[in-house]
Amino acid sequence: ISMDTKERATSMVDDVSKLAGVDSEAFQLPVAYGLTREQAREWGLYLSTGRPNTAEPAVFSEPGLFVVDGAGKLFAAATQSAPFSRPNIEELVGQLSWARDNKYPARGQLKE
């Protein structure tokens, strides 16, 4: 999900489909958009302002990755304060598969 408008989110999906070498009509990537500042803050995302003379929005959230388990509970979360250092998706899928197969619990649950 992003703070992007529908138009900007759709454009991103088109760009990704071209990079993947897949026809944009056949490329099915659901993307949620329209996240508000307040919602971004609730998720713990960092907010930034766009750089002058660029296509960046006036205000936007930096990347966040949230993995929700089958019961609807948060299993893992990662937020970034910059647009780089995102997790490698292939590695992440492998690690999550291992965690599922080995019944590895979510961590960071201690509340004091």
PDB file of N, CA and C in Angstrom:
ATOM      1  N   ILE A   1       0.859  -1.181   0.000  1.00  0.00           N
ATOM      2  CA  ILE A   1       0.000   0.000   0.000  1.00  0.00           C
ATOM      3  C   ILE A   1       0.896   1.232   0.000  1.00  0.00           C
ATOM      4  N   SER A   2       0.419   2.275  -0.631  1.00  0.00           N
ATOM      5  CA  SER A   2       1.212   3.496  -0.666  1.00  0.00           C
ATOM      6  C   SER A   2       0.317   4.721  -0.519  1.00  0.00           C
ATOM      7  N   MET A   3       0.962   5.846  -0.359  1.00  0.00           N
ATOM      8  CA  MET A   3       0.239   7.111  -0.301  1.00  0.00           C
ATOM      9  C   MET A   3      -0.016   7.654  -1.714  1.00  0.00           C
ATOM     10  N   ASP A   4       0.402   6.895  -2.723  1.00  0.00           N
ATOM     11  CA  ASP A   4       0.211   7.332  -4.102  1.00  0.00           C
ATOM     12  C   ASP A   4      -1.255   7.476  -4.465  1.00  0.00           C
ATOM     13  N   THR A   5      -1.502   8.264  -5.507  1.00  0.00           N
ATOM     14  CA  THR A   5      -2.832   8.335  -6.108  1.00  0.00           C
ATOM     15  C   THR A   5      -3.037   7.077  -6.947  1.00  0.00           C
ATOM     16  N   LYS A   6      -4.254   6.829  -7.362  1.00  0.00           N
ATOM     17  CA  LYS A   6      -4.545   5.682  -8.223  1.00  0.00           C
ATOM     18  C   LYS A   6      -3.721   5.761  -9.508  1.00  0.00           C
ATOM     19  N   GLU A   7      -3.620   6.947 -10.083  1.00  0.00           N
ATOM     20  CA  GLU A   7      -2.892   7.116 -11.336  1.00  0.00           C
ATOM     21  C   GLU A   7      -1.411   6.783 -11.176  1.00  0.00           C
ATOM     22  N   ARG A   8      -0.797   7.272 -10.101  1.00  0.00           N
ATOM     23  CA  ARG A   8       0.637   7.013  -9.880  1.00  0.00           C
ATOM     24  C   ARG A   8       0.862   5.517  -9.593  1.00  0.00           C
ATOM     25  N   ALA A   9      -0.013   4.902  -8.804  1.00  0.00           N
ATOM     26  CA  ALA A   9       0.120   3.473  -8.493  1.00  0.00           C
ATOM     27  C   ALA A   9      -0.034   2.632  -9.754  1.00  0.00           C
ATOM     28  N   THR A  10      -0.999   2.957 -10.591  1.00  0.00           N
ATOM     29  CA  THR A  10      -1.217   2.235 -11.843  1.00  0.00           C
ATOM     30  C   THR A  10      -0.018   2.378 -12.760  1.00  0.00           C
ATOM     31  N   SER A  11       0.552   3.560 -12.819  1.00  0.00           N
ATOM     32  CA  SER A  11       1.734   3.801 -13.635  1.00  0.00           C
ATOM     33  C   SER A  11       2.905   2.944 -13.159  1.00  0.00           C
ATOM     34  N   MET A  12       3.052   2.797 -11.843  1.00  0.00           N
ATOM     35  CA  MET A  12       4.124   1.973 -11.289  1.00  0.00           C
ATOM     36  C   MET A  12       3.944   0.519 -11.699  1.00  0.00           C
ATOM     37  N   VAL A  13       2.718   0.014 -11.668  1.00  0.00           N
ATOM     38  CA  VAL A  13       2.452  -1.364 -12.068  1.00  0.00           C
ATOM     39  C   VAL A  13       2.812  -1.541 -13.545  1.00  0.00           C
ATOM     40  N   ASP A  14       2.475  -0.568 -14.378  1.00  0.00           N
ATOM     41  CA  ASP A  14       2.832  -0.633 -15.797  1.00  0.00           C
ATOM     42  C   ASP A  14       4.350  -0.684 -15.973  1.00  0.00           C
ATOM     43  N   ASP A  15       5.069   0.133 -15.200  1.00  0.00           N
ATOM     44  CA  ASP A  15       6.535   0.149 -15.284  1.00  0.00           C
ATOM     45  C   ASP A  15       7.129  -1.199 -14.875  1.00  0.00           C
ATOM     46  N   VAL A  16       6.590  -1.792 -13.814  1.00  0.00           N
ATOM     47  CA  VAL A  16       7.086  -3.090 -13.346  1.00  0.00           C
ATOM     48  C   VAL A  16       6.808  -4.168 -14.383  1.00  0.00           C
ATOM     49  N   SER A  17       5.632  -4.132 -15.011  1.00  0.00           N
ATOM     50  CA  SER A  17       5.311  -5.141 -16.016  1.00  0.00           C
ATOM     51  C   SER A  17       6.271  -5.043 -17.199  1.00  0.00           C
ATOM     52  N   LYS A  18       6.648  -3.831 -17.584  1.00  0.00           N
ATOM     53  CA  LYS A  18       7.613  -3.653 -18.682  1.00  0.00           C
ATOM     54  C   LYS A  18       8.971  -4.211 -18.289  1.00  0.00           C
ATOM     55  N   LEU A  19       9.403  -3.934 -17.060  1.00  0.00           N
ATOM     56  CA  LEU A  19      10.688  -4.469 -16.587  1.00  0.00           C
ATOM     57  C   LEU A  19      10.676  -5.993 -16.558  1.00  0.00           C
ATOM     58  N   ALA A  20       9.522  -6.566 -16.229  1.00  0.00           N
ATOM     59  CA  ALA A  20       9.390  -8.020 -16.167  1.00  0.00           C
ATOM     60  C   ALA A  20       9.210  -8.634 -17.549  1.00  0.00           C
ATOM     61  N   GLY A  21       9.007  -7.792 -18.568  1.00  0.00           N
ATOM     62  CA  GLY A  21       8.804  -8.293 -19.920  1.00  0.00           C
ATOM     63  C   GLY A  21       7.454  -8.947 -20.117  1.00  0.00           C
ATOM     64  N   VAL A  22       6.457  -8.488 -19.368  1.00  0.00           N
ATOM     65  CA  VAL A  22       5.114  -9.056 -19.424  1.00  0.00           C
ATOM     66  C   VAL A  22       4.151  -7.969 -19.882  1.00  0.00           C
ATOM     67  N   ASP A  23       3.207  -8.341 -20.722  1.00  0.00           N
ATOM     68  CA  ASP A  23       2.187  -7.407 -21.176  1.00  0.00           C
ATOM     69  C   ASP A  23       1.437  -6.852 -19.973  1.00  0.00           C
ATOM     70  N   SER A  24       1.246  -5.537 -19.929  1.00  0.00           N
ATOM     71  CA  SER A  24       0.614  -4.911 -18.762  1.00  0.00           C
ATOM     72  C   SER A  24      -0.811  -5.406 -18.536  1.00  0.00           C
ATOM     73  N   GLU A  25      -1.503  -5.847 -19.582  1.00  0.00           N
ATOM     74  CA  GLU A  25      -2.854  -6.390 -19.418  1.00  0.00           C
ATOM     75  C   GLU A  25      -2.821  -7.759 -18.749  1.00  0.00           C
ATOM     76  N   ALA A  26      -1.747  -8.529 -19.000  1.00  0.00           N
ATOM     77  CA  ALA A  26      -1.625  -9.868 -18.424  1.00  0.00           C
ATOM     78  C   ALA A  26      -0.984  -9.842 -17.044  1.00  0.00           C
ATOM     79  N   PHE A  27      -0.318  -8.745 -16.729  1.00  0.00           N
ATOM     80  CA  PHE A  27       0.404  -8.622 -15.458  1.00  0.00           C
ATOM     81  C   PHE A  27      -0.577  -8.230 -14.369  1.00  0.00           C
ATOM     82  N   GLN A  28      -0.819  -9.131 -13.446  1.00  0.00           N
ATOM     83  CA  GLN A  28      -1.787  -8.888 -12.378  1.00  0.00           C
ATOM     84  C   GLN A  28      -1.057  -8.672 -11.060  1.00  0.00           C
ATOM     85  N   LEU A  29      -0.916  -7.426 -10.677  1.00  0.00           N
ATOM     86  CA  LEU A  29      -0.273  -7.082  -9.411  1.00  0.00           C
ATOM     87  C   LEU A  29      -1.194  -6.136  -8.663  1.00  0.00           C
ATOM     88  N   PRO A  30      -1.925  -6.663  -7.669  1.00  0.00           N
ATOM     89  CA  PRO A  30      -2.806  -5.764  -6.920  1.00  0.00           C
ATOM     90  C   PRO A  30      -1.983  -4.793  -6.082  1.00  0.00           C
ATOM     91  N   VAL A  31      -2.282  -3.532  -6.210  1.00  0.00           N
ATOM     92  CA  VAL A  31      -1.571  -2.495  -5.468  1.00  0.00           C
ATOM     93  C   VAL A  31      -2.598  -1.605  -4.793  1.00  0.00           C
ATOM     94  N   ALA A  32      -2.451  -1.450  -3.493  1.00  0.00           N
ATOM     95  CA  ALA A  32      -3.332  -0.550  -2.750  1.00  0.00           C
ATOM     96  C   ALA A  32      -2.700   0.831  -2.719  1.00  0.00           C
ATOM     97  N   TYR A  33      -3.520   1.839  -2.714  1.00  0.00           N
ATOM     98  CA  TYR A  33      -3.035   3.220  -2.759  1.00  0.00           C
ATOM     99  C   TYR A  33      -3.953   4.077  -1.902  1.00  0.00           C
ATOM    100  N   GLY A  34      -3.542   5.328  -1.720  1.00  0.00           N
ATOM    101  CA  GLY A  34      -4.388   6.262  -0.983  1.00  0.00           C
ATOM    102  C   GLY A  34      -4.190   6.243   0.530  1.00  0.00           C
ATOM    103  N   LEU A  35      -3.104   5.650   1.006  1.00  0.00           N
ATOM    104  CA  LEU A  35      -2.806   5.656   2.434  1.00  0.00           C
ATOM    105  C   LEU A  35      -2.669   7.103   2.901  1.00  0.00           C
ATOM    106  N   THR A  36      -3.295   7.435   4.008  1.00  0.00           N
ATOM    107  CA  THR A  36      -3.206   8.801   4.531  1.00  0.00           C
ATOM    108  C   THR A  36      -1.962   8.955   5.396  1.00  0.00           C
ATOM    109  N   ARG A  37      -1.597  10.196   5.686  1.00  0.00           N
ATOM    110  CA  ARG A  37      -0.465  10.454   6.587  1.00  0.00           C
ATOM    111  C   ARG A  37      -0.690   9.776   7.928  1.00  0.00           C
ATOM    112  N   GLU A  38      -1.893   9.906   8.448  1.00  0.00           N
ATOM    113  CA  GLU A  38      -2.209   9.334   9.748  1.00  0.00           C
ATOM    114  C   GLU A  38      -2.060   7.812   9.728  1.00  0.00           C
ATOM    115  N   GLN A  39      -2.561   7.177   8.681  1.00  0.00           N
ATOM    116  CA  GLN A  39      -2.433   5.724   8.568  1.00  0.00           C
ATOM    117  C   GLN A  39      -0.967   5.314   8.448  1.00  0.00           C
ATOM    118  N   ALA A  40      -0.195   6.065   7.679  1.00  0.00           N
ATOM    119  CA  ALA A  40       1.234   5.765   7.541  1.00  0.00           C
ATOM    120  C   ALA A  40       1.921   5.847   8.898  1.00  0.00           C
ATOM    121  N   ARG A  41       1.586   6.847   9.675  1.00  0.00           N
ATOM    122  CA  ARG A  41       2.172   6.981  11.016  1.00  0.00           C
ATOM    123  C   ARG A  41       1.753   5.823  11.918  1.00  0.00           C
ATOM    124  N   GLU A  42       0.486   5.385  11.804  1.00  0.00           N
ATOM    125  CA  GLU A  42       0.013   4.256  12.608  1.00  0.00           C
ATOM    126  C   GLU A  42       0.815   2.989  12.316  1.00  0.00           C
ATOM    127  N   TRP A  43       1.250   2.826  11.085  1.00  0.00           N
ATOM    128  CA  TRP A  43       2.055   1.670  10.691  1.00  0.00           C
ATOM    129  C   TRP A  43       3.533   1.873  11.018  1.00  0.00           C
ATOM    130  N   GLY A  44       3.890   3.039  11.538  1.00  0.00           N
ATOM    131  CA  GLY A  44       5.284   3.299  11.896  1.00  0.00           C
ATOM    132  C   GLY A  44       6.164   3.671  10.721  1.00  0.00           C
ATOM    133  N   LEU A  45       5.556   4.106   9.624  1.00  0.00           N
ATOM    134  CA  LEU A  45       6.328   4.480   8.445  1.00  0.00           C
ATOM    135  C   LEU A  45       6.924   5.871   8.591  1.00  0.00           C
ATOM    136  N   TYR A  46       8.083   6.059   8.014  1.00  0.00           N
ATOM    137  CA  TYR A  46       8.720   7.367   7.982  1.00  0.00           C
ATOM    138  C   TYR A  46       8.084   8.191   6.867  1.00  0.00           C
ATOM    139  N   LEU A  47       7.880   9.473   7.103  1.00  0.00           N
ATOM    140  CA  LEU A  47       7.324  10.368   6.090  1.00  0.00           C
ATOM    141  C   LEU A  47       8.428  11.287   5.576  1.00  0.00           C
ATOM    142  N   SER A  48       8.380  11.577   4.289  1.00  0.00           N
ATOM    143  CA  SER A  48       9.353  12.463   3.654  1.00  0.00           C
ATOM    144  C   SER A  48       8.641  13.483   2.791  1.00  0.00           C
ATOM    145  N   THR A  49       9.350  14.556   2.483  1.00  0.00           N
ATOM    146  CA  THR A  49       8.836  15.542   1.531  1.00  0.00           C
ATOM    147  C   THR A  49       9.569  15.355   0.217  1.00  0.00           C
ATOM    148  N   GLY A  50       8.857  15.626  -0.864  1.00  0.00           N
ATOM    149  CA  GLY A  50       9.442  15.479  -2.185  1.00  0.00           C
ATOM    150  C   GLY A  50      10.566  16.484  -2.438  1.00  0.00           C
ATOM    151  N   ARG A  51      11.530  16.053  -3.225  1.00  0.00           N
ATOM    152  CA  ARG A  51      12.623  16.940  -3.610  1.00  0.00           C
ATOM    153  C   ARG A  51      12.115  17.927  -4.665  1.00  0.00           C
ATOM    154  N   PRO A  52      12.600  19.166  -4.634  1.00  0.00           N
ATOM    155  CA  PRO A  52      12.170  20.154  -5.630  1.00  0.00           C
ATOM    156  C   PRO A  52      12.524  19.708  -7.053  1.00  0.00           C
ATOM    157  N   ASN A  53      11.678  20.085  -7.977  1.00  0.00           N
ATOM    158  CA  ASN A  53      11.895  19.828  -9.405  1.00  0.00           C
ATOM    159  C   ASN A  53      12.009  18.349  -9.747  1.00  0.00           C
ATOM    160  N   THR A  54      11.267  17.495  -9.003  1.00  0.00           N
ATOM    161  CA  THR A  54      11.201  16.066  -9.319  1.00  0.00           C
ATOM    162  C   THR A  54       9.738  15.666  -9.409  1.00  0.00           C
ATOM    163  N   ALA A  55       9.510  14.417  -9.805  1.00  0.00           N
ATOM    164  CA  ALA A  55       8.144  13.897  -9.889  1.00  0.00           C
ATOM    165  C   ALA A  55       7.655  13.362  -8.545  1.00  0.00           C
ATOM    166  N   GLU A  56       8.471  13.503  -7.505  1.00  0.00           N
ATOM    167  CA  GLU A  56       8.065  12.993  -6.193  1.00  0.00           C
ATOM    168  C   GLU A  56       6.857  13.765  -5.670  1.00  0.00           C
ATOM    169  N   PRO A  57       5.955  13.055  -4.978  1.00  0.00           N
ATOM    170  CA  PRO A  57       4.826  13.749  -4.356  1.00  0.00           C
ATOM    171  C   PRO A  57       5.308  14.712  -3.276  1.00  0.00           C
ATOM    172  N   ALA A  58       4.472  15.662  -2.900  1.00  0.00           N
ATOM    173  CA  ALA A  58       4.835  16.644  -1.874  1.00  0.00           C
ATOM    174  C   ALA A  58       5.171  15.958  -0.557  1.00  0.00           C
ATOM    175  N   VAL A  59       4.381  14.949  -0.177  1.00  0.00           N
ATOM    176  CA  VAL A  59       4.618  14.163   1.034  1.00  0.00           C
ATOM    177  C   VAL A  59       4.379  12.697   0.683  1.00  0.00           C
ATOM    178  N   PHE A  60       5.250  11.827   1.150  1.00  0.00           N
ATOM    179  CA  PHE A  60       5.092  10.400   0.878  1.00  0.00           C
ATOM    180  C   PHE A  60       5.735   9.589   1.990  1.00  0.00           C
ATOM    181  N   SER A  61       5.360   8.326   2.068  1.00  0.00           N
ATOM    182  CA  SER A  61       5.956   7.441   3.074  1.00  0.00           C
ATOM    183  C   SER A  61       7.124   6.691   2.455  1.00  0.00           C
ATOM    184  N   GLU A  62       8.126   6.446   3.287  1.00  0.00           N
ATOM    185  CA  GLU A  62       9.243   5.611   2.878  1.00  0.00           C
ATOM    186  C   GLU A  62       8.795   4.154   2.969  1.00  0.00           C
ATOM    187  N   PRO A  63       9.570   3.227   2.393  1.00  0.00           N
ATOM    188  CA  PRO A  63       9.130   1.831   2.315  1.00  0.00           C
ATOM    189  C   PRO A  63       8.922   1.157   3.674  1.00  0.00           C
ATOM    190  N   GLY A  64       7.948   0.281   3.685  1.00  0.00           N
ATOM    191  CA  GLY A  64       7.695  -0.592   4.818  1.00  0.00           C
ATOM    192  C   GLY A  64       7.239  -1.936   4.287  1.00  0.00           C
ATOM    193  N   LEU A  65       7.618  -2.994   4.964  1.00  0.00           N
ATOM    194  CA  LEU A  65       7.206  -4.342   4.589  1.00  0.00           C
ATOM    195  C   LEU A  65       6.588  -4.990   5.815  1.00  0.00           C
ATOM    196  N   PHE A  66       5.375  -5.480   5.670  1.00  0.00           N
ATOM    197  CA  PHE A  66       4.658  -6.085   6.786  1.00  0.00           C
ATOM    198  C   PHE A  66       4.155  -7.451   6.348  1.00  0.00           C
ATOM    199  N   VAL A  67       4.507  -8.484   7.108  1.00  0.00           N
ATOM    200  CA  VAL A  67       4.088  -9.846   6.810  1.00  0.00           C
ATOM    201  C   VAL A  67       3.029 -10.228   7.844  1.00  0.00           C
ATOM    202  N   VAL A  68       1.861 -10.582   7.360  1.00  0.00           N
ATOM    203  CA  VAL A  68       0.731 -10.948   8.203  1.00  0.00           C
ATOM    204  C   VAL A  68       0.500 -12.449   8.040  1.00  0.00           C
ATOM    205  N   ASP A  69       0.344 -13.156   9.154  1.00  0.00           N
ATOM    206  CA  ASP A  69       0.157 -14.604   9.078  1.00  0.00           C
ATOM    207  C   ASP A  69      -1.284 -14.952   8.709  1.00  0.00           C
ATOM    208  N   GLY A  70      -1.551 -16.245   8.591  1.00  0.00           N
ATOM    209  CA  GLY A  70      -2.873 -16.721   8.193  1.00  0.00           C
ATOM    210  C   GLY A  70      -3.976 -16.369   9.166  1.00  0.00           C
ATOM    211  N   ALA A  71      -3.605 -16.073  10.417  1.00  0.00           N
ATOM    212  CA  ALA A  71      -4.595 -15.695  11.427  1.00  0.00           C
ATOM    213  C   ALA A  71      -4.822 -14.190  11.463  1.00  0.00           C
ATOM    214  N   GLY A  72      -4.144 -13.465  10.560  1.00  0.00           N
ATOM    215  CA  GLY A  72      -4.311 -12.017  10.514  1.00  0.00           C
ATOM    216  C   GLY A  72      -3.443 -11.265  11.503  1.00  0.00           C
ATOM    217  N   LYS A  73      -2.448 -11.942  12.079  1.00  0.00           N
ATOM    218  CA  LYS A  73      -1.552 -11.297  13.041  1.00  0.00           C
ATOM    219  C   LYS A  73      -0.239 -10.922  12.373  1.00  0.00           C
ATOM    220  N   LEU A  74       0.327  -9.815  12.818  1.00  0.00           N
ATOM    221  CA  LEU A  74       1.605  -9.367  12.286  1.00  0.00           C
ATOM    222  C   LEU A  74       2.690 -10.372  12.652  1.00  0.00           C
ATOM    223  N   PHE A  75       3.413 -10.866  11.644  1.00  0.00           N
ATOM    224  CA  PHE A  75       4.484 -11.827  11.865  1.00  0.00           C
ATOM    225  C   PHE A  75       5.849 -11.142  11.804  1.00  0.00           C
ATOM    226  N   ALA A  76       6.008 -10.222  10.868  1.00  0.00           N
ATOM    227  CA  ALA A  76       7.292  -9.531  10.721  1.00  0.00           C
ATOM    228  C   ALA A  76       7.032  -8.147  10.140  1.00  0.00           C
ATOM    229  N   ALA A  77       7.917  -7.214  10.494  1.00  0.00           N
ATOM    230  CA  ALA A  77       7.795  -5.846   9.992  1.00  0.00           C
ATOM    231  C   ALA A  77       9.184  -5.261   9.789  1.00  0.00           C
ATOM    232  N   ALA A  78       9.321  -4.474   8.729  1.00  0.00           N
ATOM    233  CA  ALA A  78      10.575  -3.754   8.465  1.00  0.00           C
ATOM    234  C   ALA A  78      10.214  -2.408   7.866  1.00  0.00           C
ATOM    235  N   THR A  79      10.761  -1.346   8.421  1.00  0.00           N
ATOM    236  CA  THR A  79      10.532  -0.016   7.868  1.00  0.00           C
ATOM    237  C   THR A  79      11.877   0.603   7.528  1.00  0.00           C
ATOM    238  N   GLN A  80      11.886   1.474   6.534  1.00  0.00           N
ATOM    239  CA  GLN A  80      13.103   2.124   6.082  1.00  0.00           C
ATOM    240  C   GLN A  80      12.922   3.631   6.145  1.00  0.00           C
ATOM    241  N   SER A  81      13.995   4.327   6.421  1.00  0.00           N
ATOM    242  CA  SER A  81      13.944   5.790   6.429  1.00  0.00           C
ATOM    243  C   SER A  81      14.490   6.359   5.115  1.00  0.00           C
ATOM    244  N   ALA A  82      14.765   5.488   4.167  1.00  0.00           N
ATOM    245  CA  ALA A  82      15.281   5.886   2.856  1.00  0.00           C
ATOM    246  C   ALA A  82      14.712   4.936   1.805  1.00  0.00           C
ATOM    247  N   PRO A  83      14.740   5.318   0.530  1.00  0.00           N
ATOM    248  CA  PRO A  83      14.118   4.484  -0.496  1.00  0.00           C
ATOM    249  C   PRO A  83      14.948   3.280  -0.929  1.00  0.00           C
ATOM    250  N   PHE A  84      16.046   3.011  -0.245  1.00  0.00           N
ATOM    251  CA  PHE A  84      16.868   1.854  -0.596  1.00  0.00           C
ATOM    252  C   PHE A  84      16.991   0.942   0.614  1.00  0.00           C
ATOM    253  N   SER A  85      17.757  -0.121   0.508  1.00  0.00           N
ATOM    254  CA  SER A  85      17.931  -1.125   1.569  1.00  0.00           C
ATOM    255  C   SER A  85      16.667  -1.936   1.787  1.00  0.00           C
ATOM    256  N   ARG A  86      15.924  -2.160   0.739  1.00  0.00           N
ATOM    257  CA  ARG A  86      14.735  -3.004   0.851  1.00  0.00           C
ATOM    258  C   ARG A  86      15.173  -4.460   0.882  1.00  0.00           C
ATOM    259  N   PRO A  87      14.387  -5.320   1.542  1.00  0.00           N
ATOM    260  CA  PRO A  87      14.764  -6.736   1.610  1.00  0.00           C
ATOM    261  C   PRO A  87      14.733  -7.379   0.221  1.00  0.00           C
ATOM    262  N   ASN A  88      15.602  -8.357   0.015  1.00  0.00           N
ATOM    263  CA  ASN A  88      15.593  -9.152  -1.202  1.00  0.00           C
ATOM    264  C   ASN A  88      14.383 -10.084  -1.119  1.00  0.00           C
ATOM    265  N   ILE A  89      13.451  -9.941  -2.045  1.00  0.00           N
ATOM    266  CA  ILE A  89      12.183 -10.682  -1.969  1.00  0.00           C
ATOM    267  C   ILE A  89      12.398 -12.186  -2.073  1.00  0.00           C
ATOM    268  N   GLU A  90      13.293 -12.640  -2.952  1.00  0.00           N
ATOM    269  CA  GLU A  90      13.533 -14.084  -3.070  1.00  0.00           C
ATOM    270  C   GLU A  90      14.056 -14.649  -1.757  1.00  0.00           C
ATOM    271  N   GLU A  91      14.993 -13.952  -1.128  1.00  0.00           N
ATOM    272  CA  GLU A  91      15.511 -14.405   0.165  1.00  0.00           C
ATOM    273  C   GLU A  91      14.415 -14.383   1.222  1.00  0.00           C
ATOM    274  N   LEU A  92      13.614 -13.326   1.224  1.00  0.00           N
ATOM    275  CA  LEU A  92      12.540 -13.208   2.210  1.00  0.00           C
ATOM    276  C   LEU A  92      11.544 -14.348   2.079  1.00  0.00           C
ATOM    277  N   VAL A  93      11.157 -14.677   0.854  1.00  0.00           N
ATOM    278  CA  VAL A  93      10.210 -15.778   0.641  1.00  0.00           C
ATOM    279  C   VAL A  93      10.801 -17.074   1.170  1.00  0.00           C
ATOM    280  N   GLY A  94      12.082 -17.307   0.906  1.00  0.00           N
ATOM    281  CA  GLY A  94      12.739 -18.508   1.414  1.00  0.00           C
ATOM    282  C   GLY A  94      12.761 -18.545   2.933  1.00  0.00           C
ATOM    283  N   GLN A  95      13.074 -17.414   3.549  1.00  0.00           N
ATOM    284  CA  GLN A  95      13.125 -17.339   5.008  1.00  0.00           C
ATOM    285  C   GLN A  95      11.735 -17.533   5.618  1.00  0.00           C
ATOM    286  N   LEU A  96      10.722 -16.919   5.010  1.00  0.00           N
ATOM    287  CA  LEU A  96       9.357 -17.081   5.528  1.00  0.00           C
ATOM    288  C   LEU A  96       8.866 -18.513   5.348  1.00  0.00           C
ATOM    289  N   SER A  97       9.244 -19.137   4.239  1.00  0.00           N
ATOM    290  CA  SER A  97       8.871 -20.541   4.025  1.00  0.00           C
ATOM    291  C   SER A  97       9.507 -21.422   5.098  1.00  0.00           C
ATOM    292  N   TRP A  98      10.790 -21.153   5.395  1.00  0.00           N
ATOM    293  CA  TRP A  98      11.473 -21.903   6.446  1.00  0.00           C
ATOM    294  C   TRP A  98      10.754 -21.710   7.779  1.00  0.00           C
ATOM    295  N   ALA A  99      10.420 -20.472   8.111  1.00  0.00           N
ATOM    296  CA  ALA A  99       9.741 -20.173   9.381  1.00  0.00           C
ATOM    297  C   ALA A  99       8.409 -20.915   9.463  1.00  0.00           C
ATOM    298  N   ARG A 100       7.659 -20.908   8.368  1.00  0.00           N
ATOM    299  CA  ARG A 100       6.367 -21.620   8.351  1.00  0.00           C
ATOM    300  C   ARG A 100       6.581 -23.124   8.509  1.00  0.00           C
ATOM    301  N   ASP A 101       7.506 -23.693   7.730  1.00  0.00           N
ATOM    302  CA  ASP A 101       7.735 -25.139   7.756  1.00  0.00           C
ATOM    303  C   ASP A 101       8.250 -25.622   9.110  1.00  0.00           C
ATOM    304  N   ASN A 102       8.979 -24.755   9.813  1.00  0.00           N
ATOM    305  CA  ASN A 102       9.559 -25.130  11.104  1.00  0.00           C
ATOM    306  C   ASN A 102       8.783 -24.566  12.292  1.00  0.00           C
ATOM    307  N   LYS A 103       7.600 -24.045  11.995  1.00  0.00           N
ATOM    308  CA  LYS A 103       6.735 -23.465  13.036  1.00  0.00           C
ATOM    309  C   LYS A 103       7.480 -22.463  13.915  1.00  0.00           C
ATOM    310  N   TYR A 104       8.311 -21.659  13.272  1.00  0.00           N
ATOM    311  CA  TYR A 104       9.093 -20.652  13.987  1.00  0.00           C
ATOM    312  C   TYR A 104       8.168 -19.498  14.353  1.00  0.00           C
ATOM    313  N   PRO A 105       8.150 -19.109  15.620  1.00  0.00           N
ATOM    314  CA  PRO A 105       7.197 -18.082  16.053  1.00  0.00           C
ATOM    315  C   PRO A 105       7.629 -16.661  15.664  1.00  0.00           C
ATOM    316  N   ALA A 106       6.656 -15.797  15.624  1.00  0.00           N
ATOM    317  CA  ALA A 106       6.961 -14.374  15.456  1.00  0.00           C
ATOM    318  C   ALA A 106       7.734 -13.922  16.687  1.00  0.00           C
ATOM    319  N   ARG A 107       8.614 -12.952  16.521  1.00  0.00           N
ATOM    320  CA  ARG A 107       9.429 -12.474  17.634  1.00  0.00           C
ATOM    321  C   ARG A 107       9.010 -11.055  17.994  1.00  0.00           C
ATOM    322  N   GLY A 108       9.584 -10.540  19.069  1.00  0.00           N
ATOM    323  CA  GLY A 108       9.281  -9.175  19.492  1.00  0.00           C
ATOM    324  C   GLY A 108       7.933  -9.029  20.162  1.00  0.00           C
ATOM    325  N   GLN A 109       7.451 -10.104  20.739  1.00  0.00           N
ATOM    326  CA  GLN A 109       6.124 -10.108  21.354  1.00  0.00           C
ATOM    327  C   GLN A 109       6.110  -9.696  22.822  1.00  0.00           C
ATOM    328  N   LEU A 110       7.286  -9.592  23.455  1.00  0.00           N
ATOM    329  CA  LEU A 110       7.359  -9.305  24.880  1.00  0.00           C
ATOM    330  C   LEU A 110       6.806  -7.925  25.186  1.00  0.00           C
ATOM    331  N   LYS A 111       5.863  -7.877  26.103  1.00  0.00           N
ATOM    332  CA  LYS A 111       5.268  -6.610  26.536  1.00  0.00           C
ATOM    333  C   LYS A 111       5.540  -6.469  28.031  1.00  0.00           C
ATOM    334  N   GLU A 112       6.223  -5.430  28.433  1.00  0.00           N
ATOM    335  CA  GLU A 112       6.502  -5.215  29.868  1.00  0.00           C
ATOM    336  C   GLU A 112       5.983  -3.891  30.308  1.00  0.00           C
TER     337      GLU A 112
END
